[in-house]
Amino acid sequence: MVPHYSRLSKIVIDVPPGDHDRELAFWSAAAGQPLAQFSKHPEYHGAALHGQEFWLLIQRLEDGPGRVHIDIQTDDLAAEVARLEGLGAERVQQVHSWQVMRDPAGLLFCVIPEPGGSLNESNAQRWE
């Protein structure tokens, strides 16, 4: 295994278009803070939870049922995907710069690359 860092970083609530505005309002109120729209990917609204490095995102789906998924950040996408495959995950598809995967129970999650140096011993798990 290639040495690298990773961490759980986001809870993403995937919402069909018809439920999006109501769901966004609910989770903004539940979290007690606004969830801003991302300019680069306008299908997402989100924020770090009260100064933490853990985020809550609302994603507007094009189609499909509502669901929740987890994002994992890593400083080495290929190494983290290989590590997770070794644990029983499967690749589903590459989207933008991240890898969508399926865990052994069939649940989707994403592995998101982070710039080198942003993950370290103080904020992530090191894998050897």
N, C-alpha and C. Protein backbone atom coordinates (compact mmCIF):
# COMPACT_ATOMS: atom_id res chain seq x y z
N MET A 1 0.84 -1.18 0.00
CA MET A 1 0.00 0.00 0.00
C MET A 1 0.88 1.25 0.00
N VAL A 2 0.46 2.25 -0.74
CA VAL A 2 1.17 3.52 -0.81
C VAL A 2 0.80 4.36 0.41
N PRO A 3 1.79 4.90 1.14
CA PRO A 3 1.44 5.76 2.29
C PRO A 3 0.64 6.98 1.83
N HIS A 4 -0.46 7.23 2.54
CA HIS A 4 -1.31 8.37 2.23
C HIS A 4 -2.21 8.66 3.42
N TYR A 5 -2.96 9.77 3.35
CA TYR A 5 -3.91 10.16 4.38
C TYR A 5 -5.33 10.14 3.82
N SER A 6 -6.29 9.87 4.71
CA SER A 6 -7.70 10.03 4.36
C SER A 6 -8.50 10.29 5.62
N ARG A 7 -9.72 10.80 5.41
CA ARG A 7 -10.64 11.03 6.54
C ARG A 7 -12.06 11.13 6.02
N LEU A 8 -13.02 10.78 6.88
CA LEU A 8 -14.41 11.05 6.57
C LEU A 8 -14.58 12.56 6.63
N SER A 9 -15.21 13.15 5.62
CA SER A 9 -15.24 14.60 5.56
C SER A 9 -16.61 15.23 5.42
N LYS A 10 -17.56 14.51 4.82
CA LYS A 10 -18.86 15.12 4.55
C LYS A 10 -19.98 14.09 4.64
N ILE A 11 -21.13 14.57 5.08
CA ILE A 11 -22.39 13.86 4.89
C ILE A 11 -23.10 14.60 3.77
N VAL A 12 -23.51 13.86 2.75
CA VAL A 12 -24.17 14.45 1.59
C VAL A 12 -25.58 13.89 1.50
N ILE A 13 -26.57 14.79 1.51
CA ILE A 13 -27.96 14.39 1.37
C ILE A 13 -28.34 14.63 -0.08
N ASP A 14 -28.60 13.54 -0.81
CA ASP A 14 -28.93 13.59 -2.23
C ASP A 14 -30.45 13.70 -2.35
N VAL A 15 -30.93 14.72 -3.06
CA VAL A 15 -32.35 15.04 -3.07
C VAL A 15 -32.87 15.20 -4.50
N PRO A 16 -34.00 14.55 -4.82
CA PRO A 16 -34.62 14.78 -6.13
C PRO A 16 -35.03 16.24 -6.30
N PRO A 17 -35.08 16.75 -7.53
CA PRO A 17 -35.35 18.16 -7.78
C PRO A 17 -36.63 18.69 -7.10
N GLY A 18 -37.70 17.92 -7.11
CA GLY A 18 -38.97 18.38 -6.54
C GLY A 18 -38.94 18.59 -5.04
N ASP A 19 -38.00 17.96 -4.35
CA ASP A 19 -37.89 18.07 -2.90
C ASP A 19 -36.74 18.97 -2.46
N HIS A 20 -35.95 19.46 -3.41
CA HIS A 20 -34.70 20.13 -3.08
C HIS A 20 -34.89 21.36 -2.19
N ASP A 21 -35.73 22.29 -2.57
CA ASP A 21 -35.85 23.54 -1.82
C ASP A 21 -36.34 23.29 -0.39
N ARG A 22 -37.32 22.43 -0.24
CA ARG A 22 -37.84 22.09 1.08
C ARG A 22 -36.77 21.40 1.93
N GLU A 23 -36.02 20.51 1.33
CA GLU A 23 -34.96 19.78 2.04
C GLU A 23 -33.83 20.72 2.45
N LEU A 24 -33.45 21.63 1.54
CA LEU A 24 -32.41 22.61 1.85
C LEU A 24 -32.84 23.49 3.02
N ALA A 25 -34.08 23.97 3.01
CA ALA A 25 -34.57 24.81 4.10
C ALA A 25 -34.57 24.03 5.42
N PHE A 26 -35.01 22.78 5.37
CA PHE A 26 -35.05 21.96 6.58
C PHE A 26 -33.66 21.77 7.18
N TRP A 27 -32.69 21.35 6.36
CA TRP A 27 -31.36 21.05 6.88
C TRP A 27 -30.59 22.30 7.27
N SER A 28 -30.86 23.43 6.63
CA SER A 28 -30.25 24.69 7.06
C SER A 28 -30.74 25.03 8.47
N ALA A 29 -32.05 24.88 8.68
CA ALA A 29 -32.63 25.16 10.01
C ALA A 29 -32.15 24.13 11.03
N ALA A 30 -32.10 22.85 10.65
CA ALA A 30 -31.67 21.81 11.58
C ALA A 30 -30.21 22.00 12.00
N ALA A 31 -29.35 22.44 11.06
CA ALA A 31 -27.93 22.65 11.37
C ALA A 31 -27.71 24.00 12.05
N GLY A 32 -28.70 24.90 11.97
CA GLY A 32 -28.59 26.21 12.58
C GLY A 32 -27.68 27.17 11.84
N GLN A 33 -27.53 26.94 10.54
CA GLN A 33 -26.68 27.83 9.75
C GLN A 33 -27.05 27.70 8.27
N PRO A 34 -26.78 28.76 7.49
CA PRO A 34 -27.09 28.69 6.06
C PRO A 34 -26.17 27.69 5.35
N LEU A 35 -26.71 27.06 4.34
CA LEU A 35 -25.94 26.15 3.48
C LEU A 35 -25.85 26.83 2.12
N ALA A 36 -24.71 27.42 1.84
CA ALA A 36 -24.52 28.25 0.65
C ALA A 36 -24.37 27.40 -0.61
N GLN A 37 -24.83 27.94 -1.73
CA GLN A 37 -24.68 27.27 -3.02
C GLN A 37 -23.24 27.40 -3.49
N PHE A 38 -22.70 26.33 -4.05
CA PHE A 38 -21.34 26.33 -4.57
C PHE A 38 -21.36 26.90 -5.99
N SER A 39 -20.43 27.79 -6.29
CA SER A 39 -20.41 28.38 -7.62
C SER A 39 -19.89 27.41 -8.68
N LYS A 40 -18.89 26.61 -8.34
CA LYS A 40 -18.30 25.69 -9.32
C LYS A 40 -19.24 24.51 -9.63
N HIS A 41 -19.98 24.05 -8.61
CA HIS A 41 -20.93 22.95 -8.77
C HIS A 41 -22.26 23.39 -8.16
N PRO A 42 -23.10 24.11 -8.93
CA PRO A 42 -24.31 24.71 -8.37
C PRO A 42 -25.36 23.70 -7.89
N GLU A 43 -25.17 22.42 -8.18
CA GLU A 43 -26.11 21.41 -7.66
C GLU A 43 -25.89 21.15 -6.17
N TYR A 44 -24.83 21.74 -5.59
CA TYR A 44 -24.52 21.56 -4.18
C TYR A 44 -24.73 22.83 -3.38
N HIS A 45 -25.25 22.65 -2.17
CA HIS A 45 -25.30 23.68 -1.13
C HIS A 45 -24.63 23.05 0.09
N GLY A 46 -23.87 23.83 0.87
CA GLY A 46 -23.27 23.22 2.04
C GLY A 46 -22.48 24.19 2.88
N ALA A 47 -22.00 23.66 4.01
CA ALA A 47 -21.18 24.46 4.93
C ALA A 47 -20.46 23.53 5.89
N ALA A 48 -19.32 24.00 6.39
CA ALA A 48 -18.67 23.31 7.50
C ALA A 48 -19.55 23.51 8.72
N LEU A 49 -19.71 22.48 9.52
CA LEU A 49 -20.60 22.56 10.67
C LEU A 49 -19.94 23.28 11.83
N HIS A 50 -20.36 24.49 12.07
CA HIS A 50 -19.91 25.32 13.20
C HIS A 50 -18.41 25.29 13.41
N GLY A 51 -17.68 25.62 12.34
CA GLY A 51 -16.24 25.74 12.44
C GLY A 51 -15.49 24.42 12.42
N GLN A 52 -16.18 23.32 12.33
CA GLN A 52 -15.52 22.02 12.26
C GLN A 52 -15.02 21.78 10.84
N GLU A 53 -14.20 20.77 10.69
CA GLU A 53 -13.76 20.40 9.35
C GLU A 53 -14.74 19.42 8.71
N PHE A 54 -15.83 19.09 9.40
CA PHE A 54 -16.84 18.17 8.87
C PHE A 54 -17.97 18.97 8.25
N TRP A 55 -18.37 18.61 7.04
CA TRP A 55 -19.35 19.37 6.27
C TRP A 55 -20.68 18.64 6.14
N LEU A 56 -21.73 19.42 5.94
CA LEU A 56 -23.04 18.91 5.54
C LEU A 56 -23.33 19.50 4.17
N LEU A 57 -23.65 18.65 3.20
CA LEU A 57 -23.98 19.09 1.84
C LEU A 57 -25.37 18.60 1.46
N ILE A 58 -26.05 19.40 0.68
CA ILE A 58 -27.30 19.00 0.03
C ILE A 58 -27.01 19.00 -1.47
N GLN A 59 -27.24 17.86 -2.11
CA GLN A 59 -26.98 17.73 -3.55
C GLN A 59 -28.30 17.55 -4.28
N ARG A 60 -28.57 18.41 -5.27
CA ARG A 60 -29.75 18.26 -6.12
C ARG A 60 -29.45 17.21 -7.17
N LEU A 61 -30.20 16.13 -7.15
CA LEU A 61 -30.03 15.06 -8.14
C LEU A 61 -30.75 15.42 -9.43
N GLU A 62 -30.29 14.86 -10.53
CA GLU A 62 -31.02 15.00 -11.79
C GLU A 62 -32.18 14.01 -11.81
N ASP A 63 -31.95 12.84 -11.26
CA ASP A 63 -33.00 11.83 -11.15
C ASP A 63 -32.61 10.85 -10.05
N GLY A 64 -33.49 9.93 -9.76
CA GLY A 64 -33.23 8.92 -8.74
C GLY A 64 -33.81 9.31 -7.39
N PRO A 65 -33.84 8.34 -6.49
CA PRO A 65 -34.44 8.56 -5.17
C PRO A 65 -33.50 9.32 -4.23
N GLY A 66 -34.09 9.93 -3.21
CA GLY A 66 -33.30 10.57 -2.18
C GLY A 66 -32.50 9.53 -1.42
N ARG A 67 -31.34 9.94 -0.91
CA ARG A 67 -30.48 9.05 -0.15
C ARG A 67 -29.43 9.90 0.57
N VAL A 68 -28.65 9.27 1.39
CA VAL A 68 -27.55 9.94 2.08
C VAL A 68 -26.27 9.19 1.74
N HIS A 69 -25.18 9.92 1.49
CA HIS A 69 -23.90 9.25 1.30
C HIS A 69 -22.79 10.01 2.02
N ILE A 70 -21.68 9.35 2.20
CA ILE A 70 -20.51 9.90 2.90
C ILE A 70 -19.42 10.17 1.88
N ASP A 71 -18.68 11.25 2.09
CA ASP A 71 -17.49 11.55 1.29
C ASP A 71 -16.25 11.30 2.14
N ILE A 72 -15.23 10.73 1.51
CA ILE A 72 -13.93 10.52 2.13
C ILE A 72 -12.93 11.39 1.37
N GLN A 73 -12.18 12.23 2.08
CA GLN A 73 -11.12 13.04 1.46
C GLN A 73 -9.82 12.24 1.53
N THR A 74 -8.97 12.44 0.52
CA THR A 74 -7.67 11.78 0.52
C THR A 74 -6.64 12.63 -0.23
N ASP A 75 -5.38 12.46 0.15
CA ASP A 75 -4.31 13.16 -0.58
C ASP A 75 -3.75 12.29 -1.70
N ASP A 76 -4.26 11.06 -1.87
CA ASP A 76 -3.83 10.18 -2.96
C ASP A 76 -5.03 9.34 -3.39
N LEU A 77 -5.74 9.82 -4.40
CA LEU A 77 -6.98 9.17 -4.83
C LEU A 77 -6.76 7.71 -5.22
N ALA A 78 -5.75 7.44 -6.03
CA ALA A 78 -5.51 6.07 -6.49
C ALA A 78 -5.21 5.13 -5.32
N ALA A 79 -4.39 5.58 -4.38
CA ALA A 79 -4.04 4.74 -3.23
C ALA A 79 -5.25 4.49 -2.34
N GLU A 80 -6.07 5.51 -2.11
CA GLU A 80 -7.25 5.34 -1.24
C GLU A 80 -8.29 4.45 -1.91
N VAL A 81 -8.52 4.62 -3.21
CA VAL A 81 -9.46 3.76 -3.93
C VAL A 81 -8.98 2.31 -3.87
N ALA A 82 -7.70 2.08 -4.08
CA ALA A 82 -7.15 0.71 -4.02
C ALA A 82 -7.31 0.14 -2.60
N ARG A 83 -7.07 0.94 -1.57
CA ARG A 83 -7.22 0.48 -0.19
C ARG A 83 -8.66 0.07 0.07
N LEU A 84 -9.61 0.89 -0.37
CA LEU A 84 -11.03 0.60 -0.14
C LEU A 84 -11.49 -0.60 -0.96
N GLU A 85 -10.96 -0.76 -2.17
CA GLU A 85 -11.28 -1.97 -2.95
C GLU A 85 -10.79 -3.21 -2.22
N GLY A 86 -9.63 -3.11 -1.59
CA GLY A 86 -9.10 -4.23 -0.81
C GLY A 86 -9.98 -4.59 0.37
N LEU A 87 -10.79 -3.63 0.83
CA LEU A 87 -11.73 -3.86 1.94
C LEU A 87 -13.09 -4.34 1.45
N GLY A 88 -13.28 -4.40 0.12
CA GLY A 88 -14.53 -4.90 -0.43
C GLY A 88 -15.38 -3.90 -1.18
N ALA A 89 -14.92 -2.66 -1.34
CA ALA A 89 -15.68 -1.66 -2.11
C ALA A 89 -15.46 -1.88 -3.60
N GLU A 90 -16.36 -1.34 -4.39
CA GLU A 90 -16.26 -1.42 -5.85
C GLU A 90 -16.37 -0.03 -6.46
N ARG A 91 -15.63 0.20 -7.54
CA ARG A 91 -15.75 1.46 -8.27
C ARG A 91 -17.08 1.47 -9.02
N VAL A 92 -17.72 2.65 -9.06
CA VAL A 92 -18.96 2.81 -9.81
C VAL A 92 -18.71 3.70 -11.02
N GLN A 93 -18.20 4.92 -10.78
CA GLN A 93 -17.87 5.83 -11.89
C GLN A 93 -17.04 7.00 -11.39
N GLN A 94 -16.29 7.57 -12.30
CA GLN A 94 -15.54 8.80 -12.02
C GLN A 94 -16.46 9.97 -12.34
N VAL A 95 -16.58 10.92 -11.42
CA VAL A 95 -17.38 12.13 -11.62
C VAL A 95 -16.50 13.31 -11.26
N HIS A 96 -16.32 14.23 -12.20
CA HIS A 96 -15.41 15.36 -12.00
C HIS A 96 -14.05 14.77 -11.59
N SER A 97 -13.52 15.17 -10.45
CA SER A 97 -12.21 14.66 -10.02
C SER A 97 -12.34 13.57 -8.96
N TRP A 98 -13.55 13.17 -8.63
CA TRP A 98 -13.71 12.18 -7.56
C TRP A 98 -14.22 10.85 -8.08
N GLN A 99 -14.08 9.82 -7.22
CA GLN A 99 -14.48 8.46 -7.57
C GLN A 99 -15.71 8.08 -6.75
N VAL A 100 -16.80 7.73 -7.44
CA VAL A 100 -17.98 7.19 -6.78
C VAL A 100 -17.73 5.69 -6.59
N MET A 101 -18.02 5.21 -5.37
CA MET A 101 -17.81 3.79 -5.06
C MET A 101 -19.05 3.22 -4.38
N ARG A 102 -19.07 1.91 -4.26
CA ARG A 102 -20.15 1.20 -3.58
C ARG A 102 -19.51 0.34 -2.50
N ASP A 103 -20.04 0.43 -1.27
CA ASP A 103 -19.49 -0.36 -0.16
C ASP A 103 -20.03 -1.80 -0.24
N PRO A 104 -19.56 -2.71 0.62
CA PRO A 104 -20.01 -4.10 0.53
C PRO A 104 -21.52 -4.30 0.67
N ALA A 105 -22.23 -3.38 1.34
CA ALA A 105 -23.68 -3.48 1.48
C ALA A 105 -24.42 -2.87 0.30
N GLY A 106 -23.68 -2.30 -0.68
CA GLY A 106 -24.29 -1.72 -1.85
C GLY A 106 -24.57 -0.23 -1.75
N LEU A 107 -24.11 0.42 -0.67
CA LEU A 107 -24.35 1.85 -0.48
C LEU A 107 -23.27 2.67 -1.17
N LEU A 108 -23.69 3.77 -1.79
CA LEU A 108 -22.75 4.63 -2.50
C LEU A 108 -22.00 5.55 -1.54
N PHE A 109 -20.76 5.87 -1.89
CA PHE A 109 -19.96 6.89 -1.22
C PHE A 109 -18.98 7.44 -2.24
N CYS A 110 -18.34 8.57 -1.91
CA CYS A 110 -17.40 9.19 -2.83
C CYS A 110 -16.03 9.34 -2.18
N VAL A 111 -14.98 9.23 -2.99
CA VAL A 111 -13.62 9.48 -2.55
C VAL A 111 -13.17 10.74 -3.31
N ILE A 112 -12.81 11.77 -2.53
CA ILE A 112 -12.54 13.10 -3.06
C ILE A 112 -11.06 13.44 -2.89
N PRO A 113 -10.37 13.81 -3.97
CA PRO A 113 -8.96 14.20 -3.82
C PRO A 113 -8.83 15.58 -3.18
N GLU A 114 -7.84 15.72 -2.33
CA GLU A 114 -7.52 17.00 -1.68
C GLU A 114 -6.11 17.38 -2.05
N PRO A 115 -5.80 18.67 -2.08
CA PRO A 115 -4.44 19.10 -2.42
C PRO A 115 -3.42 18.52 -1.44
N GLY A 116 -2.26 18.15 -1.95
CA GLY A 116 -1.18 17.64 -1.11
C GLY A 116 -0.87 18.61 0.02
N GLY A 117 -0.68 18.09 1.21
CA GLY A 117 -0.33 18.90 2.35
C GLY A 117 -1.52 19.35 3.18
N SER A 118 -2.75 19.23 2.66
CA SER A 118 -3.92 19.66 3.43
C SER A 118 -4.33 18.62 4.46
N LEU A 119 -3.98 17.36 4.25
CA LEU A 119 -4.25 16.30 5.22
C LEU A 119 -2.93 15.91 5.87
N ASN A 120 -2.98 15.70 7.19
CA ASN A 120 -1.76 15.37 7.92
C ASN A 120 -2.10 14.61 9.20
N GLU A 121 -1.10 14.35 10.02
CA GLU A 121 -1.29 13.58 11.27
C GLU A 121 -2.33 14.21 12.20
N SER A 122 -2.50 15.52 12.14
CA SER A 122 -3.41 16.19 13.07
C SER A 122 -4.88 16.15 12.64
N ASN A 123 -5.16 15.85 11.35
CA ASN A 123 -6.55 15.92 10.91
C ASN A 123 -7.01 14.72 10.07
N ALA A 124 -6.17 13.70 9.94
CA ALA A 124 -6.54 12.56 9.09
C ALA A 124 -5.82 11.30 9.56
N GLN A 125 -6.26 10.18 9.02
CA GLN A 125 -5.63 8.87 9.30
C GLN A 125 -4.54 8.62 8.27
N ARG A 126 -3.36 8.23 8.74
CA ARG A 126 -2.28 7.86 7.81
C ARG A 126 -2.35 6.36 7.57
N TRP A 127 -2.28 5.99 6.32
CA TRP A 127 -2.30 4.58 5.91
C TRP A 127 -0.94 4.23 5.34
N GLU A 128 -0.36 3.15 5.77
CA GLU A 128 0.96 2.71 5.31
C GLU A 128 0.81 1.63 4.25
